Amino acid sequence: MTESEPRDEDSLTLTQVGASVLAAGFGVQSKENKRRDFTRGKPVQFIIVGVFFTATLMAALIGVVNWVLP
């Protein structure tokens, strides 16, 4: 196995998990990707990326509100 080959074809990459979390967070997840996520994804991956996405979104919203309303 070379370094460029994925270690496990059944698992999702970080990019795929991140894209799925973003799409689901904004409500535009496709049925095909949802099916892929449920068959190949690991729950802990989605939990970690989802918590990070939520924390980042909340920090951005708080920052914008504090910037607009000094």
C-alpha atoms as a PDB file:
ATOM      1  CA  MET A   1       0.000   0.000   0.000  1.00  0.00           C
ATOM      2  CA  THR A   2       1.361   3.398  -0.921  1.00  0.00           C
ATOM      3  CA  GLU A   3       0.937   6.552   1.093  1.00  0.00           C
ATOM      4  CA  SER A   4      -1.581   8.020  -1.378  1.00  0.00           C
ATOM      5  CA  GLU A   5      -3.972   5.058  -1.100  1.00  0.00           C
ATOM      6  CA  PRO A   6      -6.662   5.201   1.577  1.00  0.00           C
ATOM      7  CA  ARG A   7      -6.076   2.864   4.515  1.00  0.00           C
ATOM      8  CA  ASP A   8      -9.673   1.690   4.692  1.00  0.00           C
ATOM      9  CA  GLU A   9     -11.947   1.951   1.665  1.00  0.00           C
ATOM     10  CA  ASP A  10     -15.030   1.581   3.842  1.00  0.00           C
ATOM     11  CA  SER A  11     -14.388   4.603   6.044  1.00  0.00           C
ATOM     12  CA  LEU A  12     -15.082   8.209   5.097  1.00  0.00           C
ATOM     13  CA  THR A  13     -12.369  10.823   4.764  1.00  0.00           C
ATOM     14  CA  LEU A  14     -12.280  13.907   6.963  1.00  0.00           C
ATOM     15  CA  THR A  15     -13.285  15.995   3.938  1.00  0.00           C
ATOM     16  CA  GLN A  16     -16.332  13.811   3.285  1.00  0.00           C
ATOM     17  CA  VAL A  17     -17.377  13.941   6.945  1.00  0.00           C
ATOM     18  CA  GLY A  18     -16.892  17.723   7.062  1.00  0.00           C
ATOM     19  CA  ALA A  19     -18.882  18.246   3.871  1.00  0.00           C
ATOM     20  CA  SER A  20     -21.683  16.029   5.168  1.00  0.00           C
ATOM     21  CA  VAL A  21     -21.841  17.877   8.490  1.00  0.00           C
ATOM     22  CA  LEU A  22     -21.933  21.252   6.721  1.00  0.00           C
ATOM     23  CA  ALA A  23     -24.616  20.097   4.285  1.00  0.00           C
ATOM     24  CA  ALA A  24     -26.718  18.555   7.048  1.00  0.00           C
ATOM     25  CA  GLY A  25     -26.254  21.632   9.237  1.00  0.00           C
ATOM     26  CA  PHE A  26     -27.685  23.850   6.529  1.00  0.00           C
ATOM     27  CA  GLY A  27     -30.384  21.308   5.602  1.00  0.00           C
ATOM     28  CA  VAL A  28     -29.225  20.483   2.096  1.00  0.00           C
ATOM     29  CA  GLN A  29     -27.860  16.943   2.544  1.00  0.00           C
ATOM     30  CA  SER A  30     -28.587  14.702  -0.455  1.00  0.00           C
ATOM     31  CA  LYS A  31     -30.203  11.301  -0.026  1.00  0.00           C
ATOM     32  CA  GLU A  32     -27.208   9.632  -1.669  1.00  0.00           C
ATOM     33  CA  ASN A  33     -24.744  11.217   0.765  1.00  0.00           C
ATOM     34  CA  LYS A  34     -27.003  10.470   3.723  1.00  0.00           C
ATOM     35  CA  ARG A  35     -27.136   6.812   2.697  1.00  0.00           C
ATOM     36  CA  ARG A  36     -23.331   6.763   2.288  1.00  0.00           C
ATOM     37  CA  ASP A  37     -22.873   8.353   5.710  1.00  0.00           C
ATOM     38  CA  PHE A  38     -25.101   5.821   7.456  1.00  0.00           C
ATOM     39  CA  THR A  39     -23.466   2.830   5.767  1.00  0.00           C
ATOM     40  CA  ARG A  40     -19.781   3.853   5.807  1.00  0.00           C
ATOM     41  CA  GLY A  41     -19.497   6.549   8.472  1.00  0.00           C
ATOM     42  CA  LYS A  42     -18.626   6.144  12.128  1.00  0.00           C
ATOM     43  CA  PRO A  43     -20.786   8.048  14.630  1.00  0.00           C
ATOM     44  CA  VAL A  44     -17.808   9.382  16.575  1.00  0.00           C
ATOM     45  CA  GLN A  45     -16.496  11.104  13.424  1.00  0.00           C
ATOM     46  CA  PHE A  46     -19.749  12.972  12.927  1.00  0.00           C
ATOM     47  CA  ILE A  47     -20.056  13.858  16.616  1.00  0.00           C
ATOM     48  CA  ILE A  48     -16.569  15.380  16.778  1.00  0.00           C
ATOM     49  CA  VAL A  49     -16.917  17.322  13.519  1.00  0.00           C
ATOM     50  CA  GLY A  50     -20.475  18.376  14.445  1.00  0.00           C
ATOM     51  CA  VAL A  51     -19.388  19.742  17.827  1.00  0.00           C
ATOM     52  CA  PHE A  52     -16.520  21.619  16.157  1.00  0.00           C
ATOM     53  CA  PHE A  53     -18.888  23.014  13.487  1.00  0.00           C
ATOM     54  CA  THR A  54     -21.420  24.122  16.113  1.00  0.00           C
ATOM     55  CA  ALA A  55     -18.765  25.768  18.297  1.00  0.00           C
ATOM     56  CA  THR A  56     -17.285  27.572  15.288  1.00  0.00           C
ATOM     57  CA  LEU A  57     -20.712  28.777  14.144  1.00  0.00           C
ATOM     58  CA  MET A  58     -21.593  30.022  17.635  1.00  0.00           C
ATOM     59  CA  ALA A  59     -18.247  31.823  18.010  1.00  0.00           C
ATOM     60  CA  ALA A  60     -18.741  33.480  14.621  1.00  0.00           C
ATOM     61  CA  LEU A  61     -22.267  34.604  15.513  1.00  0.00           C
ATOM     62  CA  ILE A  62     -21.144  35.974  18.884  1.00  0.00           C
ATOM     63  CA  GLY A  63     -18.265  37.771  17.180  1.00  0.00           C
ATOM     64  CA  VAL A  64     -20.549  39.366  14.592  1.00  0.00           C
ATOM     65  CA  VAL A  65     -23.060  40.481  17.235  1.00  0.00           C
ATOM     66  CA  ASN A  66     -20.297  41.973  19.405  1.00  0.00           C
ATOM     67  CA  TRP A  67     -18.844  43.730  16.362  1.00  0.00           C
ATOM     68  CA  VAL A  68     -22.213  45.162  15.243  1.00  0.00           C
ATOM     69  CA  LEU A  69     -23.436  46.078  18.745  1.00  0.00           C
ATOM     70  CA  PRO A  70     -20.377  47.443  20.571  1.00  0.00           C
END
